[in-house]
């Protein structure tokens, strides 16, 4: 039997259960520079930790190195004797305050990605002109109100070119 396909089966089963259970996170903080809403790492962990505990998963994040010796964020998820480890290179920044901000940002997005959490990059979509309208929806669960927006992507106008305009022909 190929152990590589079964060794972390319990972790992935629990991740799936958490992804089915967890609700969108409230964007309770405001970025005054971009005039957008987001959730910070503390809000995220406040929602996630009780669910991780319920499913007996341990999540840790710390600083480490890539195989090239560059700084990295190391995210580890553990269940019994099974471990999944993810290493994400982060920029080298001399200013400790800026470096701390970068680490918090990377931690939040690593967790958001790992658990497939619902969130919308309002800044990116608005800046790129892809958001035509935002629908707000609310749900109440365990005292948490869920607020998020769904992007509506405008269809692009058809591109017309003759065969001579295509650079790869």
N, C-alpha and C. Protein backbone atom coordinates (compact mmCIF):
# COMPACT_ATOMS: atom_id res chain seq x y z
N UNK A 1 0.85 -1.18 0.00
CA UNK A 1 0.00 0.00 0.00
C UNK A 1 0.89 1.24 0.00
N UNK A 2 0.53 2.22 -0.79
CA UNK A 2 1.28 3.48 -0.88
C UNK A 2 0.89 4.37 0.29
N UNK A 3 1.80 4.52 1.27
CA UNK A 3 1.51 5.31 2.46
C UNK A 3 1.32 6.79 2.17
N UNK A 4 1.91 7.30 1.09
CA UNK A 4 1.82 8.73 0.80
C UNK A 4 0.38 9.15 0.51
N UNK A 5 -0.47 8.21 0.10
CA UNK A 5 -1.87 8.54 -0.17
C UNK A 5 -2.74 8.44 1.06
N UNK A 6 -2.27 7.79 2.11
CA UNK A 6 -3.12 7.57 3.28
C UNK A 6 -2.59 8.20 4.56
N UNK A 7 -1.33 8.61 4.58
CA UNK A 7 -0.70 9.02 5.82
C UNK A 7 -1.42 10.20 6.50
N UNK A 8 -1.96 11.13 5.74
CA UNK A 8 -2.61 12.29 6.33
C UNK A 8 -4.11 12.31 6.06
N UNK A 9 -4.68 11.14 5.89
CA UNK A 9 -6.11 11.03 5.59
C UNK A 9 -6.97 11.68 6.69
N UNK A 10 -6.61 11.46 7.95
CA UNK A 10 -7.40 12.03 9.06
C UNK A 10 -7.39 13.55 9.01
N UNK A 11 -6.25 14.13 8.71
CA UNK A 11 -6.16 15.59 8.64
C UNK A 11 -7.07 16.12 7.55
N UNK A 12 -7.01 15.52 6.38
CA UNK A 12 -7.81 16.02 5.26
C UNK A 12 -9.31 15.80 5.49
N UNK A 13 -9.67 14.72 6.15
CA UNK A 13 -11.08 14.51 6.50
C UNK A 13 -11.56 15.59 7.46
N UNK A 14 -10.71 15.94 8.42
CA UNK A 14 -11.07 16.98 9.39
C UNK A 14 -11.08 18.37 8.73
N UNK A 15 -10.16 18.62 7.83
CA UNK A 15 -10.18 19.89 7.09
C UNK A 15 -11.47 20.02 6.30
N UNK A 16 -11.90 18.94 5.68
CA UNK A 16 -13.16 18.97 4.93
C UNK A 16 -14.33 19.26 5.86
N UNK A 17 -14.36 18.62 7.01
CA UNK A 17 -15.44 18.87 7.98
C UNK A 17 -15.46 20.33 8.42
N UNK A 18 -14.27 20.89 8.66
CA UNK A 18 -14.19 22.30 9.08
C UNK A 18 -14.65 23.21 7.95
N UNK A 19 -14.23 22.92 6.72
CA UNK A 19 -14.64 23.75 5.58
C UNK A 19 -16.15 23.72 5.39
N UNK A 20 -16.78 22.60 5.70
CA UNK A 20 -18.25 22.51 5.59
C UNK A 20 -18.94 23.29 6.72
N UNK A 21 -18.28 23.34 7.87
CA UNK A 21 -18.88 23.96 9.05
C UNK A 21 -18.66 25.46 9.15
N UNK A 22 -17.50 25.92 8.79
CA UNK A 22 -17.15 27.32 9.03
C UNK A 22 -17.93 28.25 8.10
N UNK A 23 -18.33 29.35 8.67
CA UNK A 23 -19.09 30.34 7.92
C UNK A 23 -18.17 31.49 7.51
N UNK A 24 -18.61 32.31 6.57
CA UNK A 24 -17.79 33.47 6.20
C UNK A 24 -17.47 34.33 7.42
N UNK A 25 -16.31 34.91 7.40
CA UNK A 25 -15.83 35.71 8.53
C UNK A 25 -16.29 37.16 8.37
N UNK A 26 -16.71 37.75 9.48
CA UNK A 26 -17.16 39.14 9.49
C UNK A 26 -15.97 40.05 9.18
N UNK A 27 -16.14 40.93 8.23
CA UNK A 27 -15.13 41.95 7.93
C UNK A 27 -15.40 43.13 8.86
N UNK A 28 -14.79 43.07 10.05
CA UNK A 28 -15.12 44.04 11.09
C UNK A 28 -14.13 45.20 11.18
N UNK A 29 -13.04 45.14 10.45
CA UNK A 29 -12.04 46.20 10.50
C UNK A 29 -12.05 46.99 9.20
N UNK A 30 -11.62 48.26 9.29
CA UNK A 30 -11.60 49.13 8.11
C UNK A 30 -10.17 49.55 7.81
N UNK A 31 -9.81 49.49 6.56
CA UNK A 31 -8.52 49.99 6.09
C UNK A 31 -8.76 51.42 5.62
N UNK A 32 -8.31 52.43 6.39
CA UNK A 32 -8.61 53.81 6.03
C UNK A 32 -7.93 54.26 4.74
N UNK A 33 -6.81 53.64 4.39
CA UNK A 33 -6.10 54.04 3.18
C UNK A 33 -6.88 53.64 1.92
N UNK A 34 -7.39 52.40 1.92
CA UNK A 34 -8.14 51.91 0.76
C UNK A 34 -9.65 52.03 0.93
N UNK A 35 -10.08 52.46 2.13
CA UNK A 35 -11.50 52.57 2.44
C UNK A 35 -12.22 51.25 2.16
N UNK A 36 -11.63 50.17 2.66
CA UNK A 36 -12.20 48.84 2.47
C UNK A 36 -12.30 48.15 3.82
N UNK A 37 -13.08 47.08 3.86
CA UNK A 37 -13.25 46.31 5.09
C UNK A 37 -12.49 44.99 4.97
N UNK A 38 -12.03 44.51 6.12
CA UNK A 38 -11.31 43.24 6.17
C UNK A 38 -11.46 42.64 7.55
N UNK A 39 -11.04 41.40 7.72
CA UNK A 39 -10.96 40.82 9.06
C UNK A 39 -9.49 40.63 9.40
N UNK A 40 -9.14 40.93 10.65
CA UNK A 40 -7.74 40.80 11.05
C UNK A 40 -7.46 39.38 11.54
N UNK A 41 -6.20 39.09 11.82
CA UNK A 41 -5.78 37.75 12.24
C UNK A 41 -6.46 37.33 13.54
N UNK A 42 -6.68 38.28 14.46
CA UNK A 42 -7.31 37.93 15.74
C UNK A 42 -8.77 37.54 15.55
N UNK A 43 -9.48 38.23 14.68
CA UNK A 43 -10.87 37.87 14.37
C UNK A 43 -10.91 36.48 13.75
N UNK A 44 -10.02 36.23 12.82
CA UNK A 44 -9.96 34.93 12.14
C UNK A 44 -9.69 33.81 13.14
N UNK A 45 -8.69 33.99 13.99
CA UNK A 45 -8.37 32.96 14.97
C UNK A 45 -9.48 32.79 16.00
N UNK A 46 -10.15 33.88 16.35
CA UNK A 46 -11.27 33.79 17.29
C UNK A 46 -12.40 32.93 16.77
N UNK A 47 -12.64 32.95 15.48
CA UNK A 47 -13.67 32.11 14.87
C UNK A 47 -13.15 30.68 14.67
N UNK A 48 -11.91 30.55 14.27
CA UNK A 48 -11.37 29.26 13.87
C UNK A 48 -10.98 28.35 15.04
N UNK A 49 -10.41 28.91 16.09
CA UNK A 49 -9.89 28.07 17.18
C UNK A 49 -10.93 27.14 17.81
N UNK A 50 -12.14 27.59 18.12
CA UNK A 50 -13.11 26.66 18.71
C UNK A 50 -13.47 25.51 17.75
N UNK A 51 -13.49 25.80 16.45
CA UNK A 51 -13.82 24.76 15.47
C UNK A 51 -12.65 23.78 15.35
N UNK A 52 -11.41 24.30 15.36
CA UNK A 52 -10.24 23.42 15.34
C UNK A 52 -10.25 22.51 16.57
N UNK A 53 -10.54 23.09 17.72
CA UNK A 53 -10.58 22.32 18.96
C UNK A 53 -11.64 21.22 18.89
N UNK A 54 -12.80 21.57 18.39
CA UNK A 54 -13.89 20.61 18.25
C UNK A 54 -13.46 19.41 17.40
N UNK A 55 -12.69 19.68 16.35
CA UNK A 55 -12.25 18.62 15.42
C UNK A 55 -10.87 18.07 15.78
N UNK A 56 -10.34 18.49 16.93
CA UNK A 56 -9.07 18.01 17.46
C UNK A 56 -7.90 18.20 16.48
N UNK A 57 -7.84 19.39 15.92
CA UNK A 57 -6.72 19.77 15.06
C UNK A 57 -5.94 20.89 15.75
N UNK A 58 -4.64 20.86 15.59
CA UNK A 58 -3.78 21.92 16.13
C UNK A 58 -3.18 22.66 14.95
N UNK A 59 -3.28 23.99 14.98
CA UNK A 59 -2.71 24.84 13.95
C UNK A 59 -1.63 25.70 14.59
N UNK A 60 -0.44 25.68 14.01
CA UNK A 60 0.61 26.57 14.48
C UNK A 60 1.20 27.30 13.28
N UNK A 61 1.67 28.50 13.55
CA UNK A 61 2.35 29.29 12.53
C UNK A 61 3.55 29.95 13.18
N UNK A 62 4.66 29.85 12.53
CA UNK A 62 5.87 30.46 13.05
C UNK A 62 6.81 30.81 11.92
N UNK A 63 7.89 31.45 12.30
CA UNK A 63 8.88 31.83 11.30
C UNK A 63 9.90 30.72 11.14
N UNK A 64 10.32 30.52 9.92
CA UNK A 64 11.32 29.51 9.61
C UNK A 64 12.10 29.97 8.39
N UNK A 65 12.63 29.01 7.66
CA UNK A 65 13.42 29.31 6.47
C UNK A 65 13.01 28.40 5.33
N UNK A 66 13.20 28.90 4.13
CA UNK A 66 13.06 28.06 2.95
C UNK A 66 14.32 27.22 2.84
N UNK A 67 14.36 26.30 1.90
CA UNK A 67 15.55 25.49 1.72
C UNK A 67 16.74 26.32 1.25
N UNK A 68 16.48 27.56 0.80
CA UNK A 68 17.55 28.47 0.40
C UNK A 68 18.00 29.40 1.53
N UNK A 69 17.41 29.21 2.71
CA UNK A 69 17.79 30.03 3.86
C UNK A 69 17.09 31.38 3.92
N UNK A 70 16.06 31.57 3.10
CA UNK A 70 15.30 32.82 3.11
C UNK A 70 14.20 32.73 4.16
N UNK A 71 13.75 33.87 4.70
CA UNK A 71 12.67 33.82 5.71
C UNK A 71 11.39 33.25 5.12
N UNK A 72 10.67 32.54 5.98
CA UNK A 72 9.42 31.92 5.54
C UNK A 72 8.44 31.84 6.69
N UNK A 73 7.18 31.81 6.35
CA UNK A 73 6.12 31.53 7.31
C UNK A 73 5.87 30.03 7.22
N UNK A 74 5.91 29.35 8.35
CA UNK A 74 5.68 27.91 8.37
C UNK A 74 4.35 27.65 9.08
N UNK A 75 3.41 27.08 8.35
CA UNK A 75 2.10 26.74 8.90
C UNK A 75 2.05 25.23 9.05
N UNK A 76 1.73 24.77 10.25
CA UNK A 76 1.67 23.34 10.54
C UNK A 76 0.29 23.02 11.08
N UNK A 77 -0.30 21.96 10.56
CA UNK A 77 -1.57 21.48 11.08
C UNK A 77 -1.35 20.04 11.51
N UNK A 78 -1.78 19.73 12.72
CA UNK A 78 -1.48 18.43 13.30
C UNK A 78 -2.73 17.79 13.88
N UNK A 79 -2.82 16.47 13.67
CA UNK A 79 -3.91 15.67 14.23
C UNK A 79 -3.30 14.34 14.64
N UNK A 80 -3.32 14.05 15.93
CA UNK A 80 -2.69 12.82 16.46
C UNK A 80 -1.25 12.75 15.99
N UNK A 81 -0.90 11.74 15.22
CA UNK A 81 0.47 11.59 14.75
C UNK A 81 0.66 12.09 13.32
N UNK A 82 -0.35 12.69 12.75
CA UNK A 82 -0.26 13.18 11.38
C UNK A 82 0.04 14.67 11.37
N UNK A 83 0.88 15.09 10.43
CA UNK A 83 1.27 16.49 10.33
C UNK A 83 1.31 16.91 8.87
N UNK A 84 0.78 18.09 8.59
CA UNK A 84 0.90 18.74 7.29
C UNK A 84 1.65 20.04 7.53
N UNK A 85 2.66 20.30 6.73
CA UNK A 85 3.48 21.49 6.91
C UNK A 85 3.54 22.25 5.60
N UNK A 86 3.32 23.56 5.68
CA UNK A 86 3.35 24.43 4.50
C UNK A 86 4.33 25.56 4.76
N UNK A 87 5.25 25.77 3.85
CA UNK A 87 6.25 26.82 3.99
C UNK A 87 6.02 27.87 2.91
N UNK A 88 5.85 29.11 3.33
CA UNK A 88 5.58 30.21 2.42
C UNK A 88 6.69 31.26 2.54
N UNK A 89 7.48 31.45 1.49
CA UNK A 89 8.53 32.48 1.56
C UNK A 89 7.92 33.85 1.81
N UNK A 90 8.58 34.64 2.63
CA UNK A 90 8.13 36.00 2.89
C UNK A 90 9.29 36.96 2.60
N UNK A 91 8.96 38.21 2.28
CA UNK A 91 10.03 39.17 1.94
C UNK A 91 10.94 39.47 3.13
N UNK A 92 12.19 39.72 2.82
CA UNK A 92 13.14 40.16 3.84
C UNK A 92 12.97 41.66 4.02
N UNK A 93 12.60 42.08 5.23
CA UNK A 93 12.37 43.49 5.51
C UNK A 93 13.12 43.83 6.79
N UNK A 94 13.96 44.86 6.74
CA UNK A 94 14.80 45.23 7.88
C UNK A 94 14.01 45.91 9.00
N UNK A 95 12.99 46.68 8.67
CA UNK A 95 12.19 47.41 9.65
C UNK A 95 11.30 46.41 10.40
N UNK A 96 11.50 46.23 11.72
CA UNK A 96 10.73 45.23 12.47
C UNK A 96 9.22 45.45 12.44
N UNK A 97 8.78 46.70 12.47
CA UNK A 97 7.34 46.97 12.45
C UNK A 97 6.74 46.56 11.11
N UNK A 98 7.41 46.91 10.03
CA UNK A 98 6.93 46.51 8.70
C UNK A 98 6.98 45.00 8.54
N UNK A 99 8.04 44.38 9.05
CA UNK A 99 8.16 42.93 8.97
C UNK A 99 7.02 42.26 9.73
N UNK A 100 6.69 42.78 10.91
CA UNK A 100 5.56 42.25 11.69
C UNK A 100 4.25 42.35 10.95
N UNK A 101 4.04 43.47 10.26
CA UNK A 101 2.82 43.63 9.47
C UNK A 101 2.76 42.62 8.34
N UNK A 102 3.90 42.39 7.70
CA UNK A 102 3.96 41.42 6.60
C UNK A 102 3.66 40.01 7.13
N UNK A 103 4.24 39.67 8.28
CA UNK A 103 4.00 38.34 8.86
C UNK A 103 2.51 38.17 9.18
N UNK A 104 1.88 39.17 9.78
CA UNK A 104 0.45 39.09 10.09
C UNK A 104 -0.37 38.91 8.82
N UNK A 105 -0.04 39.65 7.79
CA UNK A 105 -0.74 39.57 6.51
C UNK A 105 -0.61 38.16 5.92
N UNK A 106 0.60 37.64 5.90
CA UNK A 106 0.83 36.31 5.34
C UNK A 106 0.15 35.23 6.18
N UNK A 107 0.17 35.39 7.50
CA UNK A 107 -0.52 34.41 8.38
C UNK A 107 -2.00 34.35 8.05
N UNK A 108 -2.61 35.53 7.93
CA UNK A 108 -4.04 35.59 7.67
C UNK A 108 -4.37 34.93 6.33
N UNK A 109 -3.63 35.25 5.30
CA UNK A 109 -3.92 34.69 3.99
C UNK A 109 -3.56 33.21 3.90
N UNK A 110 -2.57 32.75 4.63
CA UNK A 110 -2.25 31.32 4.64
C UNK A 110 -3.39 30.52 5.27
N UNK A 111 -3.92 31.03 6.38
CA UNK A 111 -5.05 30.35 7.04
C UNK A 111 -6.29 30.41 6.15
N UNK A 112 -6.53 31.58 5.59
CA UNK A 112 -7.69 31.75 4.72
C UNK A 112 -7.64 30.77 3.55
N UNK A 113 -6.47 30.58 3.00
CA UNK A 113 -6.29 29.66 1.88
C UNK A 113 -6.41 28.21 2.33
N UNK A 114 -5.77 27.84 3.43
CA UNK A 114 -5.78 26.47 3.92
C UNK A 114 -7.19 25.98 4.18
N UNK A 115 -8.03 26.83 4.76
CA UNK A 115 -9.38 26.42 5.11
C UNK A 115 -10.43 26.84 4.08
N UNK A 116 -9.99 27.38 2.95
CA UNK A 116 -10.89 27.81 1.88
C UNK A 116 -12.00 28.72 2.41
N UNK A 117 -11.60 29.70 3.21
CA UNK A 117 -12.56 30.60 3.83
C UNK A 117 -13.11 31.59 2.81
N UNK A 118 -14.36 31.90 2.96
CA UNK A 118 -14.98 32.86 2.07
C UNK A 118 -14.52 34.26 2.42
N UNK A 119 -14.03 34.94 1.41
CA UNK A 119 -13.62 36.32 1.54
C UNK A 119 -13.51 36.89 0.15
N UNK A 120 -13.70 38.18 0.05
CA UNK A 120 -13.62 38.82 -1.25
C UNK A 120 -12.59 39.93 -1.20
N UNK A 121 -11.75 39.97 -2.19
CA UNK A 121 -10.73 41.01 -2.29
C UNK A 121 -11.38 42.24 -2.91
N UNK A 122 -12.08 43.01 -2.08
CA UNK A 122 -12.78 44.19 -2.58
C UNK A 122 -11.83 45.17 -3.25
N UNK A 123 -10.65 45.36 -2.66
CA UNK A 123 -9.69 46.31 -3.23
C UNK A 123 -9.31 45.91 -4.64
N UNK A 124 -8.94 44.67 -4.82
CA UNK A 124 -8.49 44.20 -6.12
C UNK A 124 -9.59 44.22 -7.17
N UNK A 125 -10.78 43.78 -6.79
CA UNK A 125 -11.88 43.76 -7.75
C UNK A 125 -12.33 45.16 -8.13
N UNK A 126 -12.40 46.04 -7.16
CA UNK A 126 -12.82 47.41 -7.44
C UNK A 126 -11.79 48.10 -8.32
N UNK A 127 -10.53 47.93 -7.99
CA UNK A 127 -9.46 48.58 -8.75
C UNK A 127 -9.40 48.07 -10.18
N UNK A 128 -9.71 46.79 -10.37
CA UNK A 128 -9.63 46.22 -11.71
C UNK A 128 -10.92 46.43 -12.50
N UNK A 129 -11.95 47.01 -11.85
CA UNK A 129 -13.20 47.28 -12.55
C UNK A 129 -14.08 46.06 -12.74
N UNK A 130 -13.82 44.98 -12.00
CA UNK A 130 -14.57 43.75 -12.18
C UNK A 130 -15.85 43.70 -11.35
N UNK A 131 -16.00 44.59 -10.40
CA UNK A 131 -17.19 44.54 -9.57
C UNK A 131 -18.23 45.50 -10.14
N UNK A 132 -19.34 44.94 -10.62
CA UNK A 132 -20.41 45.76 -11.16
C UNK A 132 -21.39 46.13 -10.06
N UNK A 133 -21.57 45.22 -9.12
CA UNK A 133 -22.54 45.43 -8.06
C UNK A 133 -22.16 44.54 -6.89
N UNK A 134 -22.45 44.97 -5.67
CA UNK A 134 -22.17 44.12 -4.51
C UNK A 134 -23.48 43.82 -3.81
N UNK A 135 -23.71 42.52 -3.55
CA UNK A 135 -24.88 42.11 -2.80
C UNK A 135 -24.43 41.81 -1.38
N UNK A 136 -25.15 42.36 -0.42
CA UNK A 136 -24.82 42.06 0.97
C UNK A 136 -25.77 40.99 1.47
N UNK A 137 -25.24 40.06 2.20
CA UNK A 137 -26.10 39.06 2.83
C UNK A 137 -25.67 38.92 4.28
N UNK A 138 -26.64 38.64 5.12
CA UNK A 138 -26.34 38.49 6.54
C UNK A 138 -26.87 37.16 7.03
N UNK A 139 -26.18 36.56 7.95
CA UNK A 139 -26.61 35.33 8.61
C UNK A 139 -26.15 35.40 10.05
N UNK A 140 -26.90 34.83 10.91
CA UNK A 140 -26.52 34.84 12.31
C UNK A 140 -26.31 33.40 12.76
N UNK A 141 -25.16 33.14 13.32
CA UNK A 141 -24.86 31.80 13.81
C UNK A 141 -23.93 31.93 15.00
N UNK A 142 -24.32 31.39 16.07
CA UNK A 142 -23.50 31.41 17.30
C UNK A 142 -23.09 32.83 17.67
N UNK A 143 -23.98 33.79 17.43
CA UNK A 143 -23.68 35.17 17.79
C UNK A 143 -22.83 35.91 16.78
N UNK A 144 -22.47 35.25 15.67
CA UNK A 144 -21.66 35.92 14.65
C UNK A 144 -22.57 36.33 13.50
N UNK A 145 -22.47 37.57 13.10
CA UNK A 145 -23.18 38.05 11.93
C UNK A 145 -22.21 37.98 10.77
N UNK A 146 -22.65 37.40 9.70
CA UNK A 146 -21.78 37.23 8.54
C UNK A 146 -22.09 38.32 7.54
N UNK A 147 -21.08 39.07 7.15
CA UNK A 147 -21.25 40.11 6.16
C UNK A 147 -20.18 39.94 5.11
N UNK A 148 -20.60 39.79 3.88
CA UNK A 148 -19.63 39.74 2.80
C UNK A 148 -20.32 40.21 1.54
N UNK A 149 -19.58 40.32 0.50
CA UNK A 149 -20.11 40.76 -0.78
C UNK A 149 -19.72 39.76 -1.84
N UNK A 150 -20.60 39.58 -2.82
CA UNK A 150 -20.29 38.69 -3.93
C UNK A 150 -19.98 39.53 -5.15
N UNK A 151 -18.84 39.27 -5.80
CA UNK A 151 -18.51 40.07 -6.98
C UNK A 151 -19.36 39.65 -8.17
N UNK A 152 -19.71 40.62 -8.95
CA UNK A 152 -20.40 40.35 -10.20
C UNK A 152 -19.43 40.77 -11.29
N UNK A 153 -19.03 39.83 -12.11
CA UNK A 153 -18.05 40.11 -13.13
C UNK A 153 -18.76 40.53 -14.41
N UNK A 154 -18.37 41.69 -14.92
CA UNK A 154 -18.95 42.18 -16.17
C UNK A 154 -18.36 41.38 -17.32
N UNK A 155 -19.21 40.95 -18.27
CA UNK A 155 -18.65 40.25 -19.42
C UNK A 155 -17.84 41.22 -20.27
N UNK A 156 -16.73 40.73 -20.80
CA UNK A 156 -15.89 41.57 -21.64
C UNK A 156 -16.46 41.59 -23.06
N UNK A 157 -16.23 42.69 -23.74
CA UNK A 157 -16.66 42.80 -25.13
C UNK A 157 -15.83 41.82 -25.95
N UNK A 158 -16.44 41.19 -26.98
CA UNK A 158 -15.68 40.25 -27.79
C UNK A 158 -14.53 40.96 -28.51
N UNK A 159 -13.41 40.26 -28.58
CA UNK A 159 -12.23 40.78 -29.25
C UNK A 159 -12.26 40.30 -30.69
N UNK A 160 -12.10 41.24 -31.59
CA UNK A 160 -12.08 40.85 -33.00
C UNK A 160 -10.71 41.15 -33.55
N UNK A 161 -10.11 40.14 -34.15
CA UNK A 161 -8.80 40.27 -34.75
C UNK A 161 -8.79 39.44 -36.03
N UNK A 162 -8.05 39.88 -36.99
CA UNK A 162 -7.86 38.99 -38.12
C UNK A 162 -6.61 38.17 -37.85
N UNK A 163 -6.38 37.13 -38.60
CA UNK A 163 -5.29 36.21 -38.34
C UNK A 163 -3.92 36.88 -38.34
N UNK A 164 -3.76 37.99 -39.08
CA UNK A 164 -2.47 38.66 -39.15
C UNK A 164 -2.13 39.41 -37.86
N UNK A 165 -3.15 39.74 -37.04
CA UNK A 165 -2.92 40.47 -35.80
C UNK A 165 -2.48 39.58 -34.64
N UNK A 166 -2.61 38.26 -34.77
CA UNK A 166 -2.29 37.36 -33.70
C UNK A 166 -0.78 37.10 -33.72
N UNK A 167 -0.08 37.43 -32.64
CA UNK A 167 1.38 37.37 -32.65
C UNK A 167 1.95 35.96 -32.77
N UNK A 168 1.19 34.94 -32.41
CA UNK A 168 1.75 33.58 -32.44
C UNK A 168 1.51 32.87 -33.76
N UNK A 169 0.87 33.52 -34.73
CA UNK A 169 0.67 32.89 -36.05
C UNK A 169 1.79 33.23 -36.99
